[in-house]
Amino acid sequence: MSHTYHMLRKQRLQRSELAVPASNPTMIDKAAESDADYVFLDLEDAVTPPEKPQARSNAIQALNDIDWFAKGKTVSVRINGLDTHYMYRDVVDLMEKAGDRIHTLLVPKVGVPADLYLVDALVNQIEQAFGLKLRVGLEALIETALGMENVGSIAKFGGRLEALHFGVADYAASMRARTTNIGGLNPDYPGDQWHASISRMVIACRAYGLRAIDGPFGDFSDPEGYKAGARRAAALGCEGKWAIHPSQVSFANQIFSPPDAEVSKAYRIVEELKLAEAAGKGAASLDGKMIDAASEKMARNIIELAKAIEAKG
């Protein structure tokens, strides 16, 4: 292990993240009753420009009227991009009117660390001015070529940053990729078109102690496609995926939860290695396979996730 090591900055259960347009109060109410670990109220892409002021007001009302904490939900708001005139008012109004009710702000189209610095500075000042006790985290959407080029520097940004998300649709547009598919496999590409990009983002997350979250799968009438995409993301190290439709929530919760047999094996690995250490051995065997210190690290990741799921109930 290098002498330089970045611990996970903030542990949050984030298997499923339900996206909800803040312009639709009915959908917000339904999201609060869903099984999603995370809900983000969207002020950006899902809201047309004429609706944005009202959507912001709806989000503030929902944050104050719904007890997201009691419902076991982490609630986030995706603000508008820094290249729009909506962003500053999003941050100011949300923080001043509901700053003690927001877990995180999701910042879209982050291209350079300075984008996060701007939002971080605004949030810091408002928290101090209003004496807010809840520290609001930041999450960044990597969905442009510039953002992916700078993903390591973005992940290294300190402050409130907790997680990176892969925004496949805008990323495809930014890359001028020949597809109109949101998150699915491209028949013209031999494999997963986004494998390398997601892997690069996950590496940056794990290097600097962030959570890694996969983005949307657009065809909500294709559950098998969604599940296949979630399994690919989980295999690369993502710990959750967006749901753009309530029907996708259960798939994400299932795929990003370790099976009972896997959890049991993880506990057995830890126990066998304890016995081996007591006997002066650095490795052991379990079910005919060698296990060692690296095995224990993988096992403890599984155990930690299982405990977080159990704690949620």
C-alpha atoms as a PDB file:
ATOM      1  CA  MET A   1       0.000   0.000   0.000  1.00  0.00           C
ATOM      2  CA  SER A   2       1.286   3.439  -0.892  1.00  0.00           C
ATOM      3  CA  HIS A   3       1.956   5.802   1.974  1.00  0.00           C
ATOM      4  CA  THR A   4      -0.626   8.042   0.264  1.00  0.00           C
ATOM      5  CA  TYR A   5      -4.145   6.726   0.763  1.00  0.00           C
ATOM      6  CA  HIS A   6      -7.514   8.452   0.581  1.00  0.00           C
ATOM      7  CA  MET A   7     -10.248   7.017   2.786  1.00  0.00           C
ATOM      8  CA  LEU A   8     -13.861   7.032   1.600  1.00  0.00           C
ATOM      9  CA  ARG A   9     -15.023  10.580   2.252  1.00  0.00           C
ATOM     10  CA  LYS A  10     -18.659   9.802   2.987  1.00  0.00           C
ATOM     11  CA  GLN A  11     -20.497   6.485   3.193  1.00  0.00           C
ATOM     12  CA  ARG A  12     -24.034   6.599   1.794  1.00  0.00           C
ATOM     13  CA  LEU A  13     -26.136   3.729   0.511  1.00  0.00           C
ATOM     14  CA  GLN A  14     -26.672   4.604  -3.159  1.00  0.00           C
ATOM     15  CA  ARG A  15     -27.674   1.422  -4.988  1.00  0.00           C
ATOM     16  CA  SER A  16     -30.628   3.084  -6.699  1.00  0.00           C
ATOM     17  CA  GLU A  17     -30.982   6.773  -7.487  1.00  0.00           C
ATOM     18  CA  LEU A  18     -34.430   7.779  -8.683  1.00  0.00           C
ATOM     19  CA  ALA A  19     -34.478  10.846 -10.929  1.00  0.00           C
ATOM     20  CA  VAL A  20     -37.567  13.031 -10.529  1.00  0.00           C
ATOM     21  CA  PRO A  21     -38.399  16.197 -12.478  1.00  0.00           C
ATOM     22  CA  ALA A  22     -39.035  18.877  -9.884  1.00  0.00           C
ATOM     23  CA  SER A  23     -41.662  20.343 -12.195  1.00  0.00           C
ATOM     24  CA  ASN A  24     -43.969  17.445 -11.241  1.00  0.00           C
ATOM     25  CA  PRO A  25     -45.016  17.484  -7.544  1.00  0.00           C
ATOM     26  CA  THR A  26     -47.024  14.258  -7.930  1.00  0.00           C
ATOM     27  CA  MET A  27     -43.927  12.374  -9.063  1.00  0.00           C
ATOM     28  CA  ILE A  28     -41.967  13.838  -6.144  1.00  0.00           C
ATOM     29  CA  ASP A  29     -44.549  12.502  -3.680  1.00  0.00           C
ATOM     30  CA  LYS A  30     -44.411   9.063  -5.286  1.00  0.00           C
ATOM     31  CA  ALA A  31     -40.606   9.070  -5.209  1.00  0.00           C
ATOM     32  CA  ALA A  32     -40.670   9.726  -1.470  1.00  0.00           C
ATOM     33  CA  GLU A  33     -42.671   6.514  -0.995  1.00  0.00           C
ATOM     34  CA  SER A  34     -40.513   4.430  -3.336  1.00  0.00           C
ATOM     35  CA  ASP A  35     -37.835   1.900  -2.392  1.00  0.00           C
ATOM     36  CA  ALA A  36     -35.045   4.023  -3.856  1.00  0.00           C
ATOM     37  CA  ASP A  37     -32.031   4.628  -1.626  1.00  0.00           C
ATOM     38  CA  TYR A  38     -31.509   8.028  -3.212  1.00  0.00           C
ATOM     39  CA  VAL A  39     -33.857  10.523  -4.838  1.00  0.00           C
ATOM     40  CA  PHE A  40     -32.680  13.494  -6.816  1.00  0.00           C
ATOM     41  CA  LEU A  41     -35.031  16.331  -7.656  1.00  0.00           C
ATOM     42  CA  ASP A  42     -34.062  17.532 -11.107  1.00  0.00           C
ATOM     43  CA  LEU A  43     -33.934  21.208 -11.985  1.00  0.00           C
ATOM     44  CA  GLU A  44     -31.824  20.684 -15.106  1.00  0.00           C
ATOM     45  CA  ASP A  45     -32.425  18.491 -18.161  1.00  0.00           C
ATOM     46  CA  ALA A  46     -35.890  17.207 -17.195  1.00  0.00           C
ATOM     47  CA  VAL A  47     -37.252  20.746 -16.819  1.00  0.00           C
ATOM     48  CA  THR A  48     -37.911  23.154 -19.705  1.00  0.00           C
ATOM     49  CA  PRO A  49     -36.686  26.761 -19.327  1.00  0.00           C
ATOM     50  CA  PRO A  50     -40.154  28.260 -18.719  1.00  0.00           C
ATOM     51  CA  GLU A  51     -40.757  25.733 -15.917  1.00  0.00           C
ATOM     52  CA  LYS A  52     -37.459  26.210 -14.087  1.00  0.00           C
ATOM     53  CA  PRO A  53     -38.515  28.875 -11.530  1.00  0.00           C
ATOM     54  CA  GLN A  54     -41.593  26.877 -10.544  1.00  0.00           C
ATOM     55  CA  ALA A  55     -39.586  23.641 -10.433  1.00  0.00           C
ATOM     56  CA  ARG A  56     -37.151  25.289  -8.027  1.00  0.00           C
ATOM     57  CA  SER A  57     -40.057  26.363  -5.800  1.00  0.00           C
ATOM     58  CA  ASN A  58     -41.512  22.849  -5.970  1.00  0.00           C
ATOM     59  CA  ALA A  59     -38.187  21.351  -4.907  1.00  0.00           C
ATOM     60  CA  ILE A  60     -37.903  23.699  -1.943  1.00  0.00           C
ATOM     61  CA  GLN A  61     -41.436  22.906  -0.844  1.00  0.00           C
ATOM     62  CA  ALA A  62     -40.867  19.152  -1.169  1.00  0.00           C
ATOM     63  CA  LEU A  63     -37.634  19.372   0.808  1.00  0.00           C
ATOM     64  CA  ASN A  64     -39.428  21.150   3.631  1.00  0.00           C
ATOM     65  CA  ASP A  65     -42.745  19.278   3.573  1.00  0.00           C
ATOM     66  CA  ILE A  66     -41.468  15.700   3.211  1.00  0.00           C
ATOM     67  CA  ASP A  67     -39.459  14.090   5.992  1.00  0.00           C
ATOM     68  CA  TRP A  68     -36.903  12.422   3.732  1.00  0.00           C
ATOM     69  CA  PHE A  69     -34.755  11.481   6.707  1.00  0.00           C
ATOM     70  CA  ALA A  70     -37.580   9.557   8.382  1.00  0.00           C
ATOM     71  CA  LYS A  71     -38.334   7.760   5.116  1.00  0.00           C
ATOM     72  CA  GLY A  72     -34.766   6.468   4.969  1.00  0.00           C
ATOM     73  CA  LYS A  73     -34.011   8.472   1.830  1.00  0.00           C
ATOM     74  CA  THR A  74     -31.000  10.456   0.846  1.00  0.00           C
ATOM     75  CA  VAL A  75     -32.327  13.451  -1.079  1.00  0.00           C
ATOM     76  CA  SER A  76     -30.332  15.402  -3.617  1.00  0.00           C
ATOM     77  CA  VAL A  77     -31.079  18.222  -6.043  1.00  0.00           C
ATOM     78  CA  ARG A  78     -29.536  18.463  -9.491  1.00  0.00           C
ATOM     79  CA  ILE A  79     -28.960  22.150 -10.066  1.00  0.00           C
ATOM     80  CA  ASN A  80     -28.625  23.762 -13.462  1.00  0.00           C
ATOM     81  CA  GLY A  81     -25.268  24.017 -15.174  1.00  0.00           C
ATOM     82  CA  LEU A  82     -22.726  26.715 -14.497  1.00  0.00           C
ATOM     83  CA  ASP A  83     -23.122  27.910 -18.084  1.00  0.00           C
ATOM     84  CA  THR A  84     -26.723  28.985 -17.394  1.00  0.00           C
ATOM     85  CA  HIS A  85     -28.180  31.920 -15.476  1.00  0.00           C
ATOM     86  CA  TYR A  86     -30.325  29.555 -13.411  1.00  0.00           C
ATOM     87  CA  MET A  87     -27.499  28.011 -11.399  1.00  0.00           C
ATOM     88  CA  TYR A  88     -26.744  30.772  -8.920  1.00  0.00           C
ATOM     89  CA  ARG A  89     -30.403  31.192  -8.017  1.00  0.00           C
ATOM     90  CA  ASP A  90     -30.773  27.415  -7.629  1.00  0.00           C
ATOM     91  CA  VAL A  91     -27.959  27.314  -5.083  1.00  0.00           C
ATOM     92  CA  VAL A  92     -28.958  30.481  -3.230  1.00  0.00           C
ATOM     93  CA  ASP A  93     -32.662  29.681  -2.937  1.00  0.00           C
ATOM     94  CA  LEU A  94     -32.183  26.005  -2.116  1.00  0.00           C
ATOM     95  CA  MET A  95     -29.603  26.702   0.575  1.00  0.00           C
ATOM     96  CA  GLU A  96     -31.351  29.707   2.108  1.00  0.00           C
ATOM     97  CA  LYS A  97     -34.813  28.135   2.168  1.00  0.00           C
ATOM     98  CA  ALA A  98     -34.038  24.433   2.645  1.00  0.00           C
ATOM     99  CA  GLY A  99     -30.326  24.130   3.344  1.00  0.00           C
ATOM    100  CA  ASP A 100     -30.864  22.027   6.443  1.00  0.00           C
ATOM    101  CA  ARG A 101     -32.991  19.527   4.494  1.00  0.00           C
ATOM    102  CA  ILE A 102     -30.659  18.684   1.591  1.00  0.00           C
ATOM    103  CA  HIS A 103     -28.112  15.901   1.698  1.00  0.00           C
ATOM    104  CA  THR A 104     -26.271  16.753  -1.531  1.00  0.00           C
ATOM    105  CA  LEU A 105     -26.307  18.992  -4.573  1.00  0.00           C
ATOM    106  CA  LEU A 106     -25.630  17.260  -7.880  1.00  0.00           C
ATOM    107  CA  VAL A 107     -23.582  19.505 -10.182  1.00  0.00           C
ATOM    108  CA  PRO A 108     -24.019  18.733 -13.899  1.00  0.00           C
ATOM    109  CA  LYS A 109     -21.439  18.852 -16.673  1.00  0.00           C
ATOM    110  CA  VAL A 110     -18.451  19.420 -14.415  1.00  0.00           C
ATOM    111  CA  GLY A 111     -15.462  20.039 -16.648  1.00  0.00           C
ATOM    112  CA  VAL A 112     -12.764  21.373 -14.335  1.00  0.00           C
ATOM    113  CA  PRO A 113     -12.247  21.464 -10.543  1.00  0.00           C
ATOM    114  CA  ALA A 114     -13.022  25.195 -10.511  1.00  0.00           C
ATOM    115  CA  ASP A 115     -16.641  24.388 -11.391  1.00  0.00           C
ATOM    116  CA  LEU A 116     -16.956  22.643  -8.038  1.00  0.00           C
ATOM    117  CA  TYR A 117     -15.037  25.411  -6.284  1.00  0.00           C
ATOM    118  CA  LEU A 118     -17.707  27.925  -7.314  1.00  0.00           C
ATOM    119  CA  VAL A 119     -20.582  25.857  -5.931  1.00  0.00           C
ATOM    120  CA  ASP A 120     -18.601  24.900  -2.830  1.00  0.00           C
ATOM    121  CA  ALA A 121     -17.844  28.558  -2.062  1.00  0.00           C
ATOM    122  CA  LEU A 122     -21.500  29.589  -2.402  1.00  0.00           C
ATOM    123  CA  VAL A 123     -22.680  26.748  -0.183  1.00  0.00           C
ATOM    124  CA  ASN A 124     -20.008  27.545   2.427  1.00  0.00           C
ATOM    125  CA  GLN A 125     -21.016  31.189   2.638  1.00  0.00           C
ATOM    126  CA  ILE A 126     -24.740  30.489   2.940  1.00  0.00           C
ATOM    127  CA  GLU A 127     -24.237  27.805   5.577  1.00  0.00           C
ATOM    128  CA  GLN A 128     -22.175  30.241   7.638  1.00  0.00           C
ATOM    129  CA  ALA A 129     -24.573  33.145   7.143  1.00  0.00           C
ATOM    130  CA  PHE A 130     -27.631  31.102   8.156  1.00  0.00           C
ATOM    131  CA  GLY A 131     -25.944  28.999  10.830  1.00  0.00           C
ATOM    132  CA  LEU A 132     -26.933  25.753   9.106  1.00  0.00           C
ATOM    133  CA  LYS A 133     -25.787  22.620  10.900  1.00  0.00           C
ATOM    134  CA  LEU A 134     -26.262  19.990   8.197  1.00  0.00           C
ATOM    135  CA  ARG A 135     -23.233  19.907   5.924  1.00  0.00           C
ATOM    136  CA  VAL A 136     -24.468  19.633   2.352  1.00  0.00           C
ATOM    137  CA  GLY A 137     -22.324  17.421   0.145  1.00  0.00           C
ATOM    138  CA  LEU A 138     -21.547  17.836  -3.541  1.00  0.00           C
ATOM    139  CA  GLU A 139     -21.702  15.245  -6.300  1.00  0.00           C
ATOM    140  CA  ALA A 140     -20.386  15.794  -9.804  1.00  0.00           C
ATOM    141  CA  LEU A 141     -21.697  14.563 -13.121  1.00  0.00           C
ATOM    142  CA  ILE A 142     -18.959  13.539 -15.539  1.00  0.00           C
ATOM    143  CA  GLU A 143     -20.749  13.898 -18.850  1.00  0.00           C
ATOM    144  CA  THR A 144     -18.460  15.795 -21.195  1.00  0.00           C
ATOM    145  CA  ALA A 145     -15.174  15.083 -22.920  1.00  0.00           C
ATOM    146  CA  LEU A 146     -13.579  17.857 -20.850  1.00  0.00           C
ATOM    147  CA  GLY A 147     -14.879  16.357 -17.625  1.00  0.00           C
ATOM    148  CA  MET A 148     -13.528  12.911 -18.506  1.00  0.00           C
ATOM    149  CA  GLU A 149     -10.171  14.365 -19.533  1.00  0.00           C
ATOM    150  CA  ASN A 150      -9.953  16.072 -16.119  1.00  0.00           C
ATOM    151  CA  VAL A 151     -11.680  13.364 -14.085  1.00  0.00           C
ATOM    152  CA  GLY A 152      -8.641  12.727 -11.886  1.00  0.00           C
ATOM    153  CA  SER A 153      -8.269  16.404 -10.992  1.00  0.00           C
ATOM    154  CA  ILE A 154     -12.007  16.696 -10.366  1.00  0.00           C
ATOM    155  CA  ALA A 155     -11.997  13.646  -8.084  1.00  0.00           C
ATOM    156  CA  LYS A 156      -9.036  15.110  -6.207  1.00  0.00           C
ATOM    157  CA  PHE A 157     -11.018  18.251  -5.378  1.00  0.00           C
ATOM    158  CA  GLY A 158     -11.552  18.356  -1.645  1.00  0.00           C
ATOM    159  CA  GLY A 159     -14.264  20.282   0.093  1.00  0.00           C
ATOM    160  CA  ARG A 160     -17.692  18.680  -0.009  1.00  0.00           C
ATOM    161  CA  LEU A 161     -17.272  16.354  -2.991  1.00  0.00           C
ATOM    162  CA  GLU A 162     -18.577  12.843  -2.257  1.00  0.00           C
ATOM    163  CA  ALA A 163     -19.336  11.098  -5.541  1.00  0.00           C
ATOM    164  CA  LEU A 164     -18.979  11.113  -9.314  1.00  0.00           C
ATOM    165  CA  HIS A 165     -21.764  10.051 -11.694  1.00  0.00           C
ATOM    166  CA  PHE A 166     -21.394   8.990 -15.320  1.00  0.00           C
ATOM    167  CA  GLY A 167     -23.857  10.893 -17.509  1.00  0.00           C
ATOM    168  CA  VAL A 168     -23.947   8.752 -20.617  1.00  0.00           C
ATOM    169  CA  ALA A 169     -26.324  10.786 -22.820  1.00  0.00           C
ATOM    170  CA  ASP A 170     -24.557  14.137 -22.667  1.00  0.00           C
ATOM    171  CA  TYR A 171     -21.223  12.335 -22.757  1.00  0.00           C
ATOM    172  CA  ALA A 172     -22.193  10.601 -26.007  1.00  0.00           C
ATOM    173  CA  ALA A 173     -23.180  13.960 -27.467  1.00  0.00           C
ATOM    174  CA  SER A 174     -19.967  15.595 -26.280  1.00  0.00           C
ATOM    175  CA  MET A 175     -17.923  12.782 -27.816  1.00  0.00           C
ATOM    176  CA  ARG A 176     -19.973  12.951 -31.041  1.00  0.00           C
ATOM    177  CA  ALA A 177     -20.481   9.216 -30.654  1.00  0.00           C
ATOM    178  CA  ARG A 178     -22.654   7.712 -33.366  1.00  0.00           C
ATOM    179  CA  THR A 179     -25.512   6.629 -31.171  1.00  0.00           C
ATOM    180  CA  THR A 180     -28.840   7.901 -29.925  1.00  0.00           C
ATOM    181  CA  ASN A 181     -29.059   5.120 -27.353  1.00  0.00           C
ATOM    182  CA  ILE A 182     -29.035   6.189 -23.683  1.00  0.00           C
ATOM    183  CA  GLY A 183     -26.973   3.647 -21.797  1.00  0.00           C
ATOM    184  CA  GLY A 184     -27.665   0.546 -23.858  1.00  0.00           C
ATOM    185  CA  LEU A 185     -25.367  -1.509 -26.042  1.00  0.00           C
ATOM    186  CA  ASN A 186     -24.608  -0.207 -29.511  1.00  0.00           C
ATOM    187  CA  PRO A 187     -25.018  -2.898 -32.199  1.00  0.00           C
ATOM    188  CA  ASP A 188     -22.265  -1.205 -34.215  1.00  0.00           C
ATOM    189  CA  TYR A 189     -19.740  -1.530 -31.373  1.00  0.00           C
ATOM    190  CA  PRO A 190     -18.162  -4.875 -30.384  1.00  0.00           C
ATOM    191  CA  GLY A 191     -18.855  -4.784 -26.662  1.00  0.00           C
ATOM    192  CA  ASP A 192     -19.797  -2.059 -24.190  1.00  0.00           C
ATOM    193  CA  GLN A 193     -19.184   1.325 -25.795  1.00  0.00           C
ATOM    194  CA  TRP A 194     -18.833   3.029 -22.390  1.00  0.00           C
ATOM    195  CA  HIS A 195     -16.689   0.444 -20.607  1.00  0.00           C
ATOM    196  CA  ALA A 196     -13.450   2.426 -20.821  1.00  0.00           C
ATOM    197  CA  SER A 197     -15.028   5.715 -19.759  1.00  0.00           C
ATOM    198  CA  ILE A 198     -16.870   4.287 -16.757  1.00  0.00           C
ATOM    199  CA  SER A 199     -13.758   2.399 -15.719  1.00  0.00           C
ATOM    200  CA  ARG A 200     -11.708   5.586 -15.906  1.00  0.00           C
ATOM    201  CA  MET A 201     -14.208   7.411 -13.705  1.00  0.00           C
ATOM    202  CA  VAL A 202     -14.322   4.566 -11.181  1.00  0.00           C
ATOM    203  CA  ILE A 203     -10.528   4.555 -10.948  1.00  0.00           C
ATOM    204  CA  ALA A 204     -10.563   8.271 -10.123  1.00  0.00           C
ATOM    205  CA  CYS A 205     -13.281   7.725  -7.513  1.00  0.00           C
ATOM    206  CA  ARG A 206     -11.472   4.899  -5.764  1.00  0.00           C
ATOM    207  CA  ALA A 207      -8.154   6.719  -5.838  1.00  0.00           C
ATOM    208  CA  TYR A 208      -9.592   9.721  -3.997  1.00  0.00           C
ATOM    209  CA  GLY A 209     -12.273   8.219  -1.758  1.00  0.00           C
ATOM    210  CA  LEU A 210     -15.432   8.951  -3.733  1.00  0.00           C
ATOM    211  CA  ARG A 211     -18.524   6.899  -4.500  1.00  0.00           C
ATOM    212  CA  ALA A 212     -18.929   5.882  -8.167  1.00  0.00           C
ATOM    213  CA  ILE A 213     -22.448   5.897  -9.633  1.00  0.00           C
ATOM    214  CA  ASP A 214     -23.584   4.843 -13.102  1.00  0.00           C
ATOM    215  CA  GLY A 215     -26.113   7.012 -14.888  1.00  0.00           C
ATOM    216  CA  PRO A 216     -29.357   6.392 -16.760  1.00  0.00           C
ATOM    217  CA  PHE A 217     -30.669   3.654 -19.018  1.00  0.00           C
ATOM    218  CA  GLY A 218     -33.191   5.323 -21.267  1.00  0.00           C
ATOM    219  CA  ASP A 219     -35.416   2.471 -22.413  1.00  0.00           C
ATOM    220  CA  PHE A 220     -37.543   1.789 -19.337  1.00  0.00           C
ATOM    221  CA  SER A 221     -39.565  -0.732 -21.360  1.00  0.00           C
ATOM    222  CA  ASP A 222     -36.457  -2.954 -21.526  1.00  0.00           C
ATOM    223  CA  PRO A 223     -35.868  -4.323 -18.010  1.00  0.00           C
ATOM    224  CA  GLU A 224     -33.340  -6.897 -19.189  1.00  0.00           C
ATOM    225  CA  GLY A 225     -31.291  -4.184 -20.861  1.00  0.00           C
ATOM    226  CA  TYR A 226     -31.309  -2.141 -17.664  1.00  0.00           C
ATOM    227  CA  LYS A 227     -30.254  -5.116 -15.574  1.00  0.00           C
ATOM    228  CA  ALA A 228     -27.460  -6.001 -17.992  1.00  0.00           C
ATOM    229  CA  GLY A 229     -26.158  -2.423 -17.845  1.00  0.00           C
ATOM    230  CA  ALA A 230     -26.318  -2.411 -14.045  1.00  0.00           C
ATOM    231  CA  ARG A 231     -24.391  -5.677 -13.864  1.00  0.00           C
ATOM    232  CA  ARG A 232     -21.696  -4.290 -16.149  1.00  0.00           C
ATOM    233  CA  ALA A 233     -21.409  -1.152 -14.002  1.00  0.00           C
ATOM    234  CA  ALA A 234     -21.262  -3.201 -10.794  1.00  0.00           C
ATOM    235  CA  ALA A 235     -18.525  -5.391 -12.267  1.00  0.00           C
ATOM    236  CA  LEU A 236     -16.443  -2.273 -12.921  1.00  0.00           C
ATOM    237  CA  GLY A 237     -16.850  -1.042  -9.340  1.00  0.00           C
ATOM    238  CA  CYS A 238     -19.875   1.260  -9.445  1.00  0.00           C
ATOM    239  CA  GLU A 239     -21.988   1.009  -6.327  1.00  0.00           C
ATOM    240  CA  GLY A 240     -25.265   2.188  -7.797  1.00  0.00           C
ATOM    241  CA  LYS A 241     -27.174   3.320 -10.862  1.00  0.00           C
ATOM    242  CA  TRP A 242     -29.804   5.873 -11.751  1.00  0.00           C
ATOM    243  CA  ALA A 243     -33.433   4.924 -12.248  1.00  0.00           C
ATOM    244  CA  ILE A 244     -35.348   7.202 -14.588  1.00  0.00           C
ATOM    245  CA  HIS A 245     -38.522   5.200 -13.954  1.00  0.00           C
ATOM    246  CA  PRO A 246     -39.763   3.694 -10.665  1.00  0.00           C
ATOM    247  CA  SER A 247     -39.787   0.228 -12.248  1.00  0.00           C
ATOM    248  CA  GLN A 248     -35.979   0.339 -12.455  1.00  0.00           C
ATOM    249  CA  VAL A 249     -35.465   0.882  -8.718  1.00  0.00           C
ATOM    250  CA  SER A 250     -35.922  -2.738  -7.669  1.00  0.00           C
ATOM    251  CA  PHE A 251     -33.474  -3.919 -10.329  1.00  0.00           C
ATOM    252  CA  ALA A 252     -30.770  -1.567  -9.080  1.00  0.00           C
ATOM    253  CA  ASN A 253     -31.366  -2.497  -5.446  1.00  0.00           C
ATOM    254  CA  GLN A 254     -31.070  -6.177  -6.285  1.00  0.00           C
ATOM    255  CA  ILE A 255     -28.015  -6.003  -8.537  1.00  0.00           C
ATOM    256  CA  PHE A 256     -26.002  -3.685  -6.301  1.00  0.00           C
ATOM    257  CA  SER A 257     -26.759  -5.747  -3.186  1.00  0.00           C
ATOM    258  CA  PRO A 258     -24.451  -8.686  -2.437  1.00  0.00           C
ATOM    259  CA  PRO A 259     -26.290 -12.060  -2.471  1.00  0.00           C
ATOM    260  CA  ASP A 260     -26.670 -13.797   0.898  1.00  0.00           C
ATOM    261  CA  ALA A 261     -24.211 -16.512  -0.148  1.00  0.00           C
ATOM    262  CA  GLU A 262     -21.622 -13.865  -1.001  1.00  0.00           C
ATOM    263  CA  VAL A 263     -22.066 -12.175   2.383  1.00  0.00           C
ATOM    264  CA  SER A 264     -21.757 -15.500   4.207  1.00  0.00           C
ATOM    265  CA  LYS A 265     -18.586 -16.306   2.307  1.00  0.00           C
ATOM    266  CA  ALA A 266     -17.155 -12.884   3.151  1.00  0.00           C
ATOM    267  CA  TYR A 267     -17.634 -13.548   6.870  1.00  0.00           C
ATOM    268  CA  ARG A 268     -16.034 -16.987   6.462  1.00  0.00           C
ATOM    269  CA  ILE A 269     -13.015 -15.434   4.730  1.00  0.00           C
ATOM    270  CA  VAL A 270     -12.475 -13.017   7.605  1.00  0.00           C
ATOM    271  CA  GLU A 271     -12.836 -15.801  10.168  1.00  0.00           C
ATOM    272  CA  GLU A 272     -10.468 -18.187   8.374  1.00  0.00           C
ATOM    273  CA  LEU A 273      -7.825 -15.497   8.072  1.00  0.00           C
ATOM    274  CA  LYS A 274      -8.118 -14.729  11.784  1.00  0.00           C
ATOM    275  CA  LEU A 275      -7.428 -18.393  12.503  1.00  0.00           C
ATOM    276  CA  ALA A 276      -4.511 -18.401  10.070  1.00  0.00           C
ATOM    277  CA  GLU A 277      -3.020 -15.318  11.712  1.00  0.00           C
ATOM    278  CA  ALA A 278      -3.309 -16.916  15.136  1.00  0.00           C
ATOM    279  CA  ALA A 279      -1.407 -19.881  13.738  1.00  0.00           C
ATOM    280  CA  GLY A 280       1.315 -17.615  12.354  1.00  0.00           C
ATOM    281  CA  LYS A 281       0.257 -17.964   8.712  1.00  0.00           C
ATOM    282  CA  GLY A 282      -0.211 -15.157   6.203  1.00  0.00           C
ATOM    283  CA  ALA A 283      -2.635 -17.050   3.995  1.00  0.00           C
ATOM    284  CA  ALA A 284      -5.282 -19.748   4.303  1.00  0.00           C
ATOM    285  CA  SER A 285      -7.560 -21.815   2.115  1.00  0.00           C
ATOM    286  CA  LEU A 286     -11.326 -21.777   1.816  1.00  0.00           C
ATOM    287  CA  ASP A 287     -13.339 -24.159  -0.334  1.00  0.00           C
ATOM    288  CA  GLY A 288     -10.159 -25.291  -2.033  1.00  0.00           C
ATOM    289  CA  LYS A 289      -8.965 -21.774  -2.915  1.00  0.00           C
ATOM    290  CA  MET A 290      -6.200 -19.653  -1.436  1.00  0.00           C
ATOM    291  CA  ILE A 291      -7.223 -16.538   0.489  1.00  0.00           C
ATOM    292  CA  ASP A 292      -4.940 -13.826   1.845  1.00  0.00           C
ATOM    293  CA  ALA A 293      -4.926 -10.178   2.964  1.00  0.00           C
ATOM    294  CA  ALA A 294      -6.306  -9.005  -0.390  1.00  0.00           C
ATOM    295  CA  SER A 295      -9.168 -11.483  -0.005  1.00  0.00           C
ATOM    296  CA  GLU A 296      -9.968  -9.959   3.367  1.00  0.00           C
ATOM    297  CA  LYS A 297     -10.141  -6.441   1.897  1.00  0.00           C
ATOM    298  CA  MET A 298     -12.639  -7.608  -0.730  1.00  0.00           C
ATOM    299  CA  ALA A 299     -14.613  -9.487   1.907  1.00  0.00           C
ATOM    300  CA  ARG A 300     -14.799  -6.478   4.201  1.00  0.00           C
ATOM    301  CA  ASN A 301     -16.162  -4.351   1.330  1.00  0.00           C
ATOM    302  CA  ILE A 302     -19.013  -6.837   0.988  1.00  0.00           C
ATOM    303  CA  ILE A 303     -19.624  -6.969   4.732  1.00  0.00           C
ATOM    304  CA  GLU A 304     -19.701  -3.172   5.007  1.00  0.00           C
ATOM    305  CA  LEU A 305     -22.258  -2.918   2.211  1.00  0.00           C
ATOM    306  CA  ALA A 306     -24.405  -5.681   3.717  1.00  0.00           C
ATOM    307  CA  LYS A 307     -24.444  -3.883   7.056  1.00  0.00           C
ATOM    308  CA  ALA A 308     -25.488  -0.603   5.409  1.00  0.00           C
ATOM    309  CA  ILE A 309     -28.377  -2.363   3.631  1.00  0.00           C
ATOM    310  CA  GLU A 310     -29.431  -4.069   6.862  1.00  0.00           C
ATOM    311  CA  ALA A 311     -29.333  -0.783   8.744  1.00  0.00           C
ATOM    312  CA  LYS A 312     -31.700   0.769   6.231  1.00  0.00           C
ATOM    313  CA  GLY A 313     -34.220  -1.990   6.933  1.00  0.00           C
END
